[in-house]
């Protein structure tokens, strides 16, 4: 479930696995009502993002157990009235997507959950007005990612089933910085300018790291 605003209107997008679709709802002043249906099966993750004045949705679907549906990442662009399919990547094994910005550059990172998988990072090309391959990060069972600034350095965090790896933005690339063991949920958050990482283990004492 994702909320977002386009101009003065509020929208909500949800995944409907039974109908193999994404449903976009629009707030009418008292409740959300159906606005648009995007046909895409087996959705794992969906994110809204904005590049300058343009609005997008990125949706990740996964390979079905019967192999009839191959994993893809689809990008939809708002045309002023509806979302229309804009771009597509073949991304078997990808679990989640994370669009982000560093300076005036836009990126899209994808977490690949397959064993010995490769998690791609795409960079927005202002000439073609599309994402282009930028960097591939070797990962193992990556299921989630996010970006934080730690001591002023953009840091990409990839969470797998048993570890969290951090990659710092140096010399215009993401470079491995450190790792932490992970047995449960991991969350990063800010309090003021301080960054915290909490490891919530179901079997051991939870740990909190601070930068």
N, C-alpha and C. Protein backbone atom coordinates (compact mmCIF):
# COMPACT_ATOMS: atom_id res chain seq x y z
N UNK A 1 0.85 -1.18 0.00
CA UNK A 1 0.00 0.00 0.00
C UNK A 1 0.89 1.24 0.00
N UNK A 2 0.72 2.12 -0.99
CA UNK A 2 1.53 3.33 -1.09
C UNK A 2 0.63 4.53 -1.32
N UNK A 3 0.85 5.61 -0.55
CA UNK A 3 0.15 6.87 -0.75
C UNK A 3 1.06 7.84 -1.48
N UNK A 4 0.47 8.69 -2.31
CA UNK A 4 1.25 9.73 -2.97
C UNK A 4 0.31 10.81 -3.47
N UNK A 5 0.90 11.98 -3.75
CA UNK A 5 0.15 13.13 -4.25
C UNK A 5 0.64 13.51 -5.63
N UNK A 6 -0.30 13.83 -6.52
CA UNK A 6 0.02 14.39 -7.82
C UNK A 6 -0.76 15.69 -7.93
N UNK A 7 -0.03 16.80 -7.98
CA UNK A 7 -0.65 18.12 -7.95
C UNK A 7 -1.48 18.24 -6.68
N UNK A 8 -2.77 18.48 -6.77
CA UNK A 8 -3.58 18.67 -5.58
C UNK A 8 -4.42 17.44 -5.24
N UNK A 9 -4.12 16.32 -5.87
CA UNK A 9 -4.93 15.10 -5.66
C UNK A 9 -4.12 14.04 -4.93
N UNK A 10 -4.79 13.29 -4.07
CA UNK A 10 -4.14 12.20 -3.31
C UNK A 10 -4.57 10.85 -3.88
N UNK A 11 -3.56 9.96 -4.00
CA UNK A 11 -3.79 8.63 -4.58
C UNK A 11 -3.27 7.55 -3.64
N UNK A 12 -3.76 6.35 -3.89
CA UNK A 12 -3.34 5.17 -3.14
C UNK A 12 -3.21 4.03 -4.15
N UNK A 13 -2.09 3.29 -4.11
CA UNK A 13 -1.93 2.14 -5.00
C UNK A 13 -1.77 0.90 -4.14
N UNK A 14 -2.51 -0.15 -4.49
CA UNK A 14 -2.45 -1.42 -3.76
C UNK A 14 -2.32 -2.56 -4.76
N UNK A 15 -1.75 -3.65 -4.29
CA UNK A 15 -1.60 -4.84 -5.12
C UNK A 15 -2.76 -5.79 -4.87
N UNK A 16 -3.34 -6.31 -5.95
CA UNK A 16 -4.42 -7.28 -5.86
C UNK A 16 -3.95 -8.58 -6.50
N UNK A 17 -3.43 -9.50 -5.68
CA UNK A 17 -2.85 -10.73 -6.21
C UNK A 17 -3.88 -11.63 -6.87
N UNK A 18 -5.13 -11.61 -6.38
CA UNK A 18 -6.17 -12.46 -6.97
C UNK A 18 -6.51 -12.02 -8.39
N UNK A 19 -6.51 -10.72 -8.62
CA UNK A 19 -6.84 -10.19 -9.94
C UNK A 19 -5.60 -9.91 -10.78
N UNK A 20 -4.42 -10.22 -10.26
CA UNK A 20 -3.15 -10.00 -10.98
C UNK A 20 -3.06 -8.56 -11.46
N UNK A 21 -3.20 -7.62 -10.53
CA UNK A 21 -3.22 -6.22 -10.95
C UNK A 21 -2.77 -5.30 -9.82
N UNK A 22 -2.46 -4.07 -10.21
CA UNK A 22 -2.29 -2.97 -9.28
C UNK A 22 -3.51 -2.08 -9.42
N UNK A 23 -4.05 -1.66 -8.30
CA UNK A 23 -5.23 -0.80 -8.31
C UNK A 23 -4.84 0.58 -7.80
N UNK A 24 -5.07 1.58 -8.61
CA UNK A 24 -4.83 2.97 -8.21
C UNK A 24 -6.16 3.57 -7.78
N UNK A 25 -6.23 4.10 -6.56
CA UNK A 25 -7.44 4.72 -6.05
C UNK A 25 -7.19 6.21 -5.86
N UNK A 26 -8.24 7.01 -5.99
CA UNK A 26 -8.14 8.46 -5.85
C UNK A 26 -9.07 8.94 -4.74
N UNK A 27 -8.59 9.87 -3.92
CA UNK A 27 -9.38 10.42 -2.83
C UNK A 27 -10.40 11.41 -3.38
N UNK A 28 -11.68 11.20 -3.05
CA UNK A 28 -12.73 12.05 -3.59
C UNK A 28 -13.23 13.10 -2.59
N UNK A 29 -12.52 13.21 -1.48
CA UNK A 29 -12.93 14.16 -0.44
C UNK A 29 -13.46 13.50 0.79
N UNK A 30 -13.93 12.25 0.66
CA UNK A 30 -14.45 11.52 1.82
C UNK A 30 -13.94 10.08 1.87
N UNK A 31 -13.55 9.55 0.71
CA UNK A 31 -13.03 8.18 0.68
C UNK A 31 -12.24 7.95 -0.61
N UNK A 32 -11.48 6.85 -0.64
CA UNK A 32 -10.78 6.47 -1.86
C UNK A 32 -11.71 5.67 -2.76
N UNK A 33 -11.67 5.97 -4.05
CA UNK A 33 -12.47 5.23 -5.02
C UNK A 33 -11.58 4.75 -6.16
N UNK A 34 -11.98 3.66 -6.82
CA UNK A 34 -11.20 3.10 -7.91
C UNK A 34 -10.98 4.14 -9.00
N UNK A 35 -9.74 4.22 -9.46
CA UNK A 35 -9.39 5.19 -10.49
C UNK A 35 -8.77 4.53 -11.72
N UNK A 36 -7.88 3.54 -11.50
CA UNK A 36 -7.20 2.89 -12.61
C UNK A 36 -6.74 1.50 -12.18
N UNK A 37 -6.76 0.56 -13.13
CA UNK A 37 -6.25 -0.79 -12.89
C UNK A 37 -5.11 -1.05 -13.86
N UNK A 38 -3.97 -1.47 -13.31
CA UNK A 38 -2.80 -1.82 -14.12
C UNK A 38 -2.62 -3.33 -14.04
N UNK A 39 -2.64 -3.98 -15.17
CA UNK A 39 -2.54 -5.43 -15.20
C UNK A 39 -1.09 -5.88 -15.08
N UNK A 40 -0.75 -6.47 -13.93
CA UNK A 40 0.59 -7.00 -13.70
C UNK A 40 0.49 -8.08 -12.62
N UNK A 41 0.86 -9.33 -12.94
CA UNK A 41 0.71 -10.42 -11.97
C UNK A 41 1.88 -10.49 -11.00
N UNK A 42 1.64 -11.21 -9.89
CA UNK A 42 2.70 -11.57 -8.94
C UNK A 42 3.53 -10.38 -8.47
N UNK A 43 2.88 -9.32 -8.07
CA UNK A 43 3.60 -8.11 -7.66
C UNK A 43 4.21 -8.31 -6.27
N UNK A 44 5.51 -8.05 -6.17
CA UNK A 44 6.20 -8.09 -4.89
C UNK A 44 6.25 -6.71 -4.25
N UNK A 45 6.49 -5.69 -5.07
CA UNK A 45 6.75 -4.36 -4.52
C UNK A 45 6.31 -3.30 -5.53
N UNK A 46 5.86 -2.17 -5.02
CA UNK A 46 5.53 -1.03 -5.88
C UNK A 46 5.93 0.25 -5.15
N UNK A 47 6.52 1.19 -5.90
CA UNK A 47 6.96 2.46 -5.32
C UNK A 47 6.54 3.60 -6.25
N UNK A 48 6.20 4.72 -5.64
CA UNK A 48 5.97 5.96 -6.38
C UNK A 48 7.23 6.81 -6.29
N UNK A 49 7.58 7.50 -7.37
CA UNK A 49 8.68 8.45 -7.31
C UNK A 49 8.46 9.55 -8.34
N UNK A 50 9.23 10.59 -8.19
CA UNK A 50 9.09 11.77 -9.04
C UNK A 50 10.46 12.20 -9.54
N UNK A 51 10.56 12.51 -10.82
CA UNK A 51 11.78 13.05 -11.41
C UNK A 51 11.42 14.40 -12.00
N UNK A 52 11.95 15.45 -11.39
CA UNK A 52 11.58 16.82 -11.76
C UNK A 52 10.07 16.96 -11.65
N UNK A 53 9.35 17.22 -12.72
CA UNK A 53 7.90 17.39 -12.64
C UNK A 53 7.14 16.17 -13.14
N UNK A 54 7.85 15.07 -13.38
CA UNK A 54 7.23 13.87 -13.92
C UNK A 54 7.01 12.84 -12.82
N UNK A 55 5.88 12.11 -12.91
CA UNK A 55 5.47 11.18 -11.86
C UNK A 55 5.51 9.75 -12.39
N UNK A 56 5.99 8.83 -11.54
CA UNK A 56 6.16 7.44 -11.97
C UNK A 56 5.75 6.46 -10.87
N UNK A 57 5.41 5.25 -11.31
CA UNK A 57 5.29 4.09 -10.44
C UNK A 57 6.27 3.04 -10.96
N UNK A 58 6.97 2.37 -10.05
CA UNK A 58 7.79 1.22 -10.44
C UNK A 58 7.22 0.01 -9.71
N UNK A 59 6.99 -1.07 -10.46
CA UNK A 59 6.40 -2.29 -9.92
C UNK A 59 7.31 -3.47 -10.22
N UNK A 60 7.56 -4.28 -9.21
CA UNK A 60 8.40 -5.47 -9.35
C UNK A 60 7.51 -6.69 -9.26
N UNK A 61 7.59 -7.57 -10.25
CA UNK A 61 6.91 -8.85 -10.12
C UNK A 61 7.95 -9.96 -10.21
N UNK A 62 7.57 -11.14 -9.75
CA UNK A 62 8.53 -12.22 -9.62
C UNK A 62 8.13 -13.39 -10.50
N UNK A 63 9.09 -14.30 -10.74
CA UNK A 63 8.82 -15.49 -11.54
C UNK A 63 7.87 -16.40 -10.78
N UNK A 64 6.76 -16.78 -11.42
CA UNK A 64 5.78 -17.64 -10.76
C UNK A 64 6.30 -19.06 -10.62
N UNK A 65 5.71 -19.82 -9.71
CA UNK A 65 6.18 -21.18 -9.44
C UNK A 65 6.05 -22.09 -10.66
N UNK A 66 5.09 -21.81 -11.55
CA UNK A 66 4.93 -22.63 -12.76
C UNK A 66 5.76 -22.11 -13.92
N UNK A 67 6.58 -21.06 -13.66
CA UNK A 67 7.49 -20.49 -14.66
C UNK A 67 6.77 -19.81 -15.83
N UNK A 68 5.46 -19.63 -15.72
CA UNK A 68 4.72 -19.00 -16.81
C UNK A 68 4.90 -17.49 -16.81
N UNK A 69 5.25 -16.93 -15.66
CA UNK A 69 5.47 -15.50 -15.55
C UNK A 69 6.91 -15.24 -15.15
N UNK A 70 7.68 -14.61 -16.03
CA UNK A 70 9.07 -14.28 -15.73
C UNK A 70 9.14 -12.96 -14.97
N UNK A 71 10.12 -12.87 -14.09
CA UNK A 71 10.26 -11.66 -13.28
C UNK A 71 10.59 -10.44 -14.13
N UNK A 72 9.88 -9.34 -13.86
CA UNK A 72 10.10 -8.09 -14.60
C UNK A 72 9.97 -6.92 -13.63
N UNK A 73 10.58 -5.83 -14.01
CA UNK A 73 10.37 -4.56 -13.32
C UNK A 73 9.76 -3.60 -14.33
N UNK A 74 8.59 -3.07 -14.03
CA UNK A 74 7.86 -2.21 -14.94
C UNK A 74 7.78 -0.80 -14.38
N UNK A 75 7.97 0.18 -15.24
CA UNK A 75 7.84 1.58 -14.86
C UNK A 75 6.67 2.19 -15.61
N UNK A 76 5.80 2.86 -14.88
CA UNK A 76 4.65 3.54 -15.46
C UNK A 76 4.82 5.05 -15.26
N UNK A 77 4.45 5.81 -16.29
CA UNK A 77 4.56 7.27 -16.22
C UNK A 77 3.17 7.91 -16.25
N UNK A 78 2.99 8.93 -15.46
CA UNK A 78 1.73 9.68 -15.41
C UNK A 78 1.66 10.61 -16.62
N UNK A 79 0.58 10.49 -17.42
CA UNK A 79 0.46 11.31 -18.62
C UNK A 79 -0.42 12.54 -18.42
N UNK A 80 -0.79 12.79 -17.18
CA UNK A 80 -1.68 13.90 -16.86
C UNK A 80 -3.04 13.43 -16.42
N UNK A 81 -3.38 12.17 -16.80
CA UNK A 81 -4.68 11.60 -16.44
C UNK A 81 -4.57 10.17 -15.92
N UNK A 82 -3.63 9.41 -16.47
CA UNK A 82 -3.48 8.00 -16.14
C UNK A 82 -1.99 7.63 -16.12
N UNK A 83 -1.70 6.47 -15.51
CA UNK A 83 -0.37 5.89 -15.61
C UNK A 83 -0.31 5.01 -16.86
N UNK A 84 0.71 5.21 -17.68
CA UNK A 84 0.91 4.41 -18.88
C UNK A 84 2.27 3.72 -18.80
N UNK A 85 2.34 2.48 -19.35
CA UNK A 85 3.60 1.76 -19.32
C UNK A 85 4.67 2.55 -20.04
N UNK A 86 5.81 2.69 -19.38
CA UNK A 86 6.88 3.57 -19.86
C UNK A 86 8.17 2.82 -20.19
N UNK A 87 8.54 1.87 -19.32
CA UNK A 87 9.79 1.13 -19.53
C UNK A 87 9.70 -0.21 -18.81
N UNK A 88 10.60 -1.12 -19.16
CA UNK A 88 10.55 -2.47 -18.59
C UNK A 88 11.95 -3.07 -18.58
N UNK A 89 12.26 -3.80 -17.49
CA UNK A 89 13.51 -4.55 -17.38
C UNK A 89 13.19 -6.00 -17.05
N UNK A 90 13.93 -6.93 -17.62
CA UNK A 90 13.85 -8.33 -17.20
C UNK A 90 14.69 -8.49 -15.95
N UNK A 91 14.04 -8.82 -14.84
CA UNK A 91 14.74 -8.82 -13.54
C UNK A 91 14.28 -10.02 -12.71
N UNK A 92 14.51 -11.21 -13.19
CA UNK A 92 14.15 -12.40 -12.44
C UNK A 92 14.86 -12.44 -11.10
N UNK A 93 14.12 -12.72 -10.03
CA UNK A 93 14.71 -12.80 -8.70
C UNK A 93 14.66 -11.52 -7.91
N UNK A 94 14.25 -10.42 -8.52
CA UNK A 94 14.21 -9.14 -7.81
C UNK A 94 13.02 -9.11 -6.85
N UNK A 95 13.27 -8.67 -5.63
CA UNK A 95 12.25 -8.66 -4.58
C UNK A 95 11.69 -7.27 -4.31
N UNK A 96 12.54 -6.23 -4.40
CA UNK A 96 12.05 -4.89 -4.09
C UNK A 96 12.81 -3.84 -4.89
N UNK A 97 12.20 -2.66 -5.01
CA UNK A 97 12.78 -1.55 -5.76
C UNK A 97 12.91 -0.34 -4.84
N UNK A 98 13.92 0.48 -5.13
CA UNK A 98 14.11 1.69 -4.33
C UNK A 98 14.62 2.82 -5.20
N UNK A 99 13.76 3.75 -5.59
CA UNK A 99 14.22 4.95 -6.31
C UNK A 99 14.79 5.97 -5.34
N UNK A 100 15.84 6.66 -5.72
CA UNK A 100 16.44 7.65 -4.84
C UNK A 100 17.20 8.69 -5.65
N UNK A 101 17.67 9.71 -4.95
CA UNK A 101 18.36 10.84 -5.59
C UNK A 101 19.63 11.15 -4.81
N UNK A 102 20.72 11.38 -5.53
CA UNK A 102 21.97 11.85 -4.94
C UNK A 102 22.35 13.12 -5.68
N UNK A 103 22.38 14.23 -4.96
CA UNK A 103 22.61 15.51 -5.63
C UNK A 103 21.48 15.79 -6.59
N UNK A 104 21.81 16.00 -7.86
CA UNK A 104 20.78 16.21 -8.87
C UNK A 104 20.64 15.00 -9.80
N UNK A 105 21.15 13.83 -9.36
CA UNK A 105 21.08 12.60 -10.15
C UNK A 105 20.05 11.65 -9.55
N UNK A 106 19.32 10.98 -10.44
CA UNK A 106 18.27 10.05 -10.01
C UNK A 106 18.70 8.61 -10.29
N UNK A 107 18.37 7.71 -9.36
CA UNK A 107 18.76 6.31 -9.47
C UNK A 107 17.58 5.40 -9.13
N UNK A 108 17.69 4.15 -9.58
CA UNK A 108 16.74 3.11 -9.20
C UNK A 108 17.54 1.86 -8.89
N UNK A 109 17.44 1.37 -7.64
CA UNK A 109 18.15 0.17 -7.22
C UNK A 109 17.14 -0.96 -7.01
N UNK A 110 17.55 -2.18 -7.36
CA UNK A 110 16.69 -3.35 -7.24
C UNK A 110 17.38 -4.41 -6.40
N UNK A 111 16.68 -4.98 -5.43
CA UNK A 111 17.24 -6.02 -4.55
C UNK A 111 16.91 -7.39 -5.12
N UNK A 112 17.94 -8.17 -5.42
CA UNK A 112 17.78 -9.50 -5.99
C UNK A 112 17.88 -10.54 -4.88
N UNK A 113 16.82 -11.34 -4.71
CA UNK A 113 16.77 -12.29 -3.60
C UNK A 113 17.33 -13.66 -3.95
N UNK A 114 17.74 -13.89 -5.19
CA UNK A 114 18.26 -15.21 -5.55
C UNK A 114 19.65 -15.42 -4.98
N UNK A 115 20.03 -16.68 -4.81
CA UNK A 115 21.36 -17.00 -4.30
C UNK A 115 22.40 -16.57 -5.33
N UNK A 116 23.48 -15.97 -4.85
CA UNK A 116 24.54 -15.47 -5.74
C UNK A 116 23.96 -14.52 -6.78
N UNK A 117 22.90 -13.80 -6.39
CA UNK A 117 22.25 -12.87 -7.32
C UNK A 117 23.03 -11.57 -7.46
N UNK A 118 22.63 -10.80 -8.43
CA UNK A 118 23.24 -9.50 -8.67
C UNK A 118 22.15 -8.44 -8.61
N UNK A 119 22.34 -7.46 -7.75
CA UNK A 119 21.36 -6.39 -7.58
C UNK A 119 21.77 -5.19 -8.42
N UNK A 120 20.98 -4.84 -9.45
CA UNK A 120 21.37 -3.76 -10.35
C UNK A 120 20.97 -2.39 -9.82
N UNK A 121 21.77 -1.40 -10.21
CA UNK A 121 21.46 0.01 -9.95
C UNK A 121 21.39 0.70 -11.31
N UNK A 122 20.30 1.42 -11.55
CA UNK A 122 20.12 2.16 -12.80
C UNK A 122 20.21 3.65 -12.52
N UNK A 123 20.68 4.39 -13.52
CA UNK A 123 20.80 5.84 -13.40
C UNK A 123 19.98 6.51 -14.48
N UNK A 124 19.28 7.58 -14.11
CA UNK A 124 18.43 8.30 -15.05
C UNK A 124 19.29 9.05 -16.07
N UNK A 125 18.99 8.81 -17.35
CA UNK A 125 19.69 9.47 -18.44
C UNK A 125 18.83 10.64 -18.91
N UNK A 126 19.30 11.85 -18.69
CA UNK A 126 18.50 13.03 -19.01
C UNK A 126 18.36 13.26 -20.52
N UNK A 127 19.20 12.59 -21.31
CA UNK A 127 19.09 12.73 -22.76
C UNK A 127 18.04 11.78 -23.34
N UNK A 128 18.07 10.52 -22.91
CA UNK A 128 17.09 9.55 -23.41
C UNK A 128 15.80 9.60 -22.60
N UNK A 129 15.86 10.24 -21.41
CA UNK A 129 14.72 10.32 -20.49
C UNK A 129 14.28 8.93 -20.04
N UNK A 130 15.28 8.04 -19.82
CA UNK A 130 15.01 6.71 -19.30
C UNK A 130 16.16 6.29 -18.39
N UNK A 131 15.93 5.19 -17.65
CA UNK A 131 17.00 4.65 -16.81
C UNK A 131 17.94 3.80 -17.65
N UNK A 132 19.24 3.92 -17.35
CA UNK A 132 20.27 3.12 -18.01
C UNK A 132 21.05 2.35 -16.96
N UNK A 133 21.56 1.14 -17.30
CA UNK A 133 22.36 0.38 -16.33
C UNK A 133 23.55 1.21 -15.84
N UNK A 134 23.79 1.17 -14.54
CA UNK A 134 24.85 1.98 -13.95
C UNK A 134 25.87 1.13 -13.18
N UNK A 135 25.37 0.23 -12.33
CA UNK A 135 26.27 -0.57 -11.50
C UNK A 135 25.55 -1.84 -11.08
N UNK A 136 26.30 -2.92 -10.90
CA UNK A 136 25.76 -4.17 -10.39
C UNK A 136 26.47 -4.52 -9.10
N UNK A 137 25.70 -4.81 -8.06
CA UNK A 137 26.26 -5.16 -6.75
C UNK A 137 26.01 -6.64 -6.49
N UNK A 138 27.06 -7.38 -6.21
CA UNK A 138 26.92 -8.81 -5.92
C UNK A 138 26.25 -8.98 -4.57
N UNK A 139 25.15 -9.71 -4.55
CA UNK A 139 24.39 -9.91 -3.32
C UNK A 139 23.97 -11.37 -3.19
N UNK A 140 23.49 -11.71 -2.03
CA UNK A 140 23.01 -13.07 -1.75
C UNK A 140 21.71 -12.95 -0.96
N UNK A 141 20.61 -13.31 -1.61
CA UNK A 141 19.29 -13.26 -0.96
C UNK A 141 18.92 -11.86 -0.47
N UNK A 142 19.19 -10.84 -1.26
CA UNK A 142 18.81 -9.47 -0.89
C UNK A 142 17.30 -9.32 -1.00
N UNK A 143 16.68 -8.81 0.04
CA UNK A 143 15.22 -8.69 0.06
C UNK A 143 14.73 -7.26 0.21
N UNK A 144 15.61 -6.36 0.65
CA UNK A 144 15.17 -4.99 0.90
C UNK A 144 16.37 -4.05 0.80
N UNK A 145 16.12 -2.81 0.42
CA UNK A 145 17.21 -1.82 0.38
C UNK A 145 16.67 -0.44 0.67
N UNK A 146 17.58 0.42 1.10
CA UNK A 146 17.23 1.80 1.39
C UNK A 146 18.50 2.64 1.32
N UNK A 147 18.35 3.95 1.30
CA UNK A 147 19.49 4.86 1.24
C UNK A 147 19.43 5.83 2.41
N UNK A 148 20.57 5.98 3.09
CA UNK A 148 20.70 6.93 4.18
C UNK A 148 21.97 7.74 3.99
N UNK A 149 22.00 8.91 4.60
CA UNK A 149 23.24 9.66 4.68
C UNK A 149 23.85 9.43 6.05
N UNK A 150 25.10 8.96 6.07
CA UNK A 150 25.83 8.74 7.30
C UNK A 150 27.08 9.61 7.25
N UNK A 151 27.17 10.55 8.16
CA UNK A 151 28.27 11.52 8.16
C UNK A 151 28.38 12.24 6.82
N UNK A 152 27.23 12.54 6.23
CA UNK A 152 27.19 13.28 4.98
C UNK A 152 27.45 12.44 3.75
N UNK A 153 27.66 11.13 3.92
CA UNK A 153 27.95 10.25 2.78
C UNK A 153 26.72 9.42 2.46
N UNK A 154 26.16 9.50 1.22
CA UNK A 154 25.05 8.63 0.85
C UNK A 154 25.46 7.17 0.97
N UNK A 155 24.66 6.38 1.67
CA UNK A 155 24.99 4.99 1.94
C UNK A 155 23.82 4.10 1.57
N UNK A 156 24.05 3.16 0.65
CA UNK A 156 23.03 2.23 0.21
C UNK A 156 23.10 0.99 1.10
N UNK A 157 21.98 0.65 1.71
CA UNK A 157 21.92 -0.50 2.62
C UNK A 157 21.10 -1.61 1.98
N UNK A 158 21.74 -2.77 1.81
CA UNK A 158 21.06 -3.95 1.26
C UNK A 158 20.90 -4.98 2.35
N UNK A 159 19.65 -5.37 2.60
CA UNK A 159 19.35 -6.33 3.64
C UNK A 159 19.05 -7.68 3.01
N UNK A 160 19.77 -8.70 3.45
CA UNK A 160 19.52 -10.07 3.02
C UNK A 160 18.89 -10.81 4.18
N UNK A 161 18.75 -12.11 4.04
CA UNK A 161 18.09 -12.88 5.09
C UNK A 161 18.94 -13.02 6.36
N UNK A 162 20.26 -12.91 6.24
CA UNK A 162 21.09 -13.09 7.42
C UNK A 162 22.16 -12.03 7.61
N UNK A 163 22.12 -10.97 6.80
CA UNK A 163 23.11 -9.90 6.99
C UNK A 163 22.61 -8.61 6.36
N UNK A 164 23.25 -7.53 6.78
CA UNK A 164 23.00 -6.22 6.18
C UNK A 164 24.34 -5.68 5.71
N UNK A 165 24.40 -5.25 4.45
CA UNK A 165 25.62 -4.70 3.89
C UNK A 165 25.41 -3.24 3.54
N UNK A 166 26.43 -2.45 3.78
CA UNK A 166 26.39 -1.02 3.47
C UNK A 166 27.40 -0.70 2.39
N UNK A 167 26.96 0.12 1.44
CA UNK A 167 27.81 0.55 0.34
C UNK A 167 27.82 2.07 0.31
N UNK A 168 28.99 2.65 0.44
CA UNK A 168 29.11 4.11 0.49
C UNK A 168 29.34 4.68 -0.91
N UNK A 169 28.80 5.87 -1.13
CA UNK A 169 28.96 6.57 -2.40
C UNK A 169 30.31 7.27 -2.40
N UNK A 170 31.28 6.71 -3.15
CA UNK A 170 32.62 7.27 -3.24
C UNK A 170 33.10 7.21 -4.68
N UNK A 171 33.66 8.32 -5.14
CA UNK A 171 34.19 8.39 -6.50
C UNK A 171 33.14 7.98 -7.53
N UNK A 172 31.90 8.47 -7.30
CA UNK A 172 30.78 8.29 -8.23
C UNK A 172 30.34 6.84 -8.40
N UNK A 173 30.63 5.98 -7.40
CA UNK A 173 30.16 4.60 -7.40
C UNK A 173 29.81 4.21 -5.97
N UNK A 174 29.03 3.13 -5.85
CA UNK A 174 28.79 2.56 -4.52
C UNK A 174 29.87 1.52 -4.24
N UNK A 175 30.52 1.68 -3.09
CA UNK A 175 31.62 0.79 -2.72
C UNK A 175 31.36 0.19 -1.34
N UNK A 176 31.67 -1.10 -1.22
CA UNK A 176 31.39 -1.81 0.03
C UNK A 176 32.09 -1.13 1.20
N UNK A 177 31.34 -0.95 2.30
CA UNK A 177 31.89 -0.27 3.48
C UNK A 177 31.92 -1.18 4.71
N UNK A 178 30.80 -1.83 5.03
CA UNK A 178 30.75 -2.66 6.24
C UNK A 178 29.54 -3.58 6.16
N UNK A 179 29.54 -4.56 7.06
CA UNK A 179 28.41 -5.49 7.14
C UNK A 179 28.05 -5.77 8.59
N UNK A 180 26.80 -6.19 8.80
CA UNK A 180 26.31 -6.56 10.12
C UNK A 180 25.56 -7.88 10.00
N UNK A 181 25.70 -8.77 11.00
CA UNK A 181 24.86 -9.98 10.99
C UNK A 181 23.41 -9.59 11.26
N UNK A 182 22.50 -10.32 10.68
CA UNK A 182 21.08 -10.00 10.83
C UNK A 182 20.28 -11.28 11.02
N UNK A 183 19.49 -11.35 12.12
CA UNK A 183 18.68 -12.53 12.38
C UNK A 183 17.19 -12.21 12.39
N UNK A 184 16.85 -10.95 12.36
CA UNK A 184 15.44 -10.57 12.37
C UNK A 184 15.23 -9.34 11.54
N UNK A 185 14.29 -8.52 11.94
CA UNK A 185 14.01 -7.29 11.21
C UNK A 185 15.11 -6.26 11.47
N UNK A 186 15.46 -5.52 10.42
CA UNK A 186 16.46 -4.45 10.53
C UNK A 186 15.82 -3.16 10.04
N UNK A 187 16.02 -2.09 10.79
CA UNK A 187 15.47 -0.80 10.41
C UNK A 187 16.50 0.29 10.69
N UNK A 188 16.56 1.26 9.77
CA UNK A 188 17.41 2.43 9.98
C UNK A 188 16.52 3.65 10.10
N UNK A 189 16.91 4.60 10.96
CA UNK A 189 16.10 5.79 11.14
C UNK A 189 16.96 6.93 11.64
N UNK A 190 16.42 8.14 11.47
CA UNK A 190 17.11 9.35 11.94
C UNK A 190 16.43 9.90 13.19
N UNK A 191 17.23 10.44 14.10
CA UNK A 191 16.74 11.33 15.14
C UNK A 191 17.63 12.56 15.07
N UNK A 192 17.09 13.64 14.55
CA UNK A 192 17.92 14.79 14.25
C UNK A 192 18.92 14.43 13.17
N UNK A 193 20.19 14.69 13.40
CA UNK A 193 21.22 14.37 12.42
C UNK A 193 21.89 13.03 12.71
N UNK A 194 21.44 12.32 13.74
CA UNK A 194 22.04 11.04 14.12
C UNK A 194 21.31 9.89 13.45
N UNK A 195 22.07 8.93 12.92
CA UNK A 195 21.51 7.76 12.25
C UNK A 195 21.59 6.56 13.19
N UNK A 196 20.50 5.79 13.27
CA UNK A 196 20.46 4.59 14.11
C UNK A 196 20.10 3.38 13.25
N UNK A 197 20.62 2.24 13.64
CA UNK A 197 20.28 0.95 13.05
C UNK A 197 19.84 0.03 14.17
N UNK A 198 18.63 -0.52 14.05
CA UNK A 198 18.13 -1.44 15.07
C UNK A 198 17.98 -2.82 14.45
N UNK A 199 18.54 -3.82 15.13
CA UNK A 199 18.43 -5.22 14.74
C UNK A 199 17.49 -5.90 15.73
N UNK A 200 16.31 -6.27 15.27
CA UNK A 200 15.30 -6.85 16.14
C UNK A 200 15.33 -8.36 15.99
N UNK A 201 16.07 -9.05 16.86
CA UNK A 201 16.21 -10.50 16.77
C UNK A 201 15.11 -11.20 17.56
N UNK A 202 14.48 -12.24 16.97
CA UNK A 202 13.44 -12.97 17.69
C UNK A 202 14.01 -13.91 18.75
N UNK A 203 15.32 -14.18 18.70
CA UNK A 203 15.92 -15.15 19.61
C UNK A 203 16.93 -14.55 20.57
N UNK A 204 17.46 -13.36 20.25
CA UNK A 204 18.48 -12.74 21.08
C UNK A 204 18.07 -11.32 21.44
N UNK A 205 18.90 -10.69 22.25
CA UNK A 205 18.64 -9.29 22.60
C UNK A 205 18.79 -8.41 21.36
N UNK A 206 17.85 -7.51 21.14
CA UNK A 206 17.93 -6.60 20.00
C UNK A 206 19.06 -5.61 20.21
N UNK A 207 19.71 -5.25 19.12
CA UNK A 207 20.85 -4.34 19.17
C UNK A 207 20.52 -3.05 18.45
N UNK A 208 21.04 -1.93 18.96
CA UNK A 208 20.89 -0.62 18.32
C UNK A 208 22.28 -0.05 18.09
N UNK A 209 22.58 0.30 16.84
CA UNK A 209 23.85 0.93 16.48
C UNK A 209 23.59 2.41 16.23
N UNK A 210 24.57 3.24 16.53
CA UNK A 210 24.42 4.69 16.36
C UNK A 210 25.64 5.24 15.64
N UNK A 211 25.40 6.18 14.71
CA UNK A 211 26.47 6.90 14.04
C UNK A 211 26.45 8.38 14.46
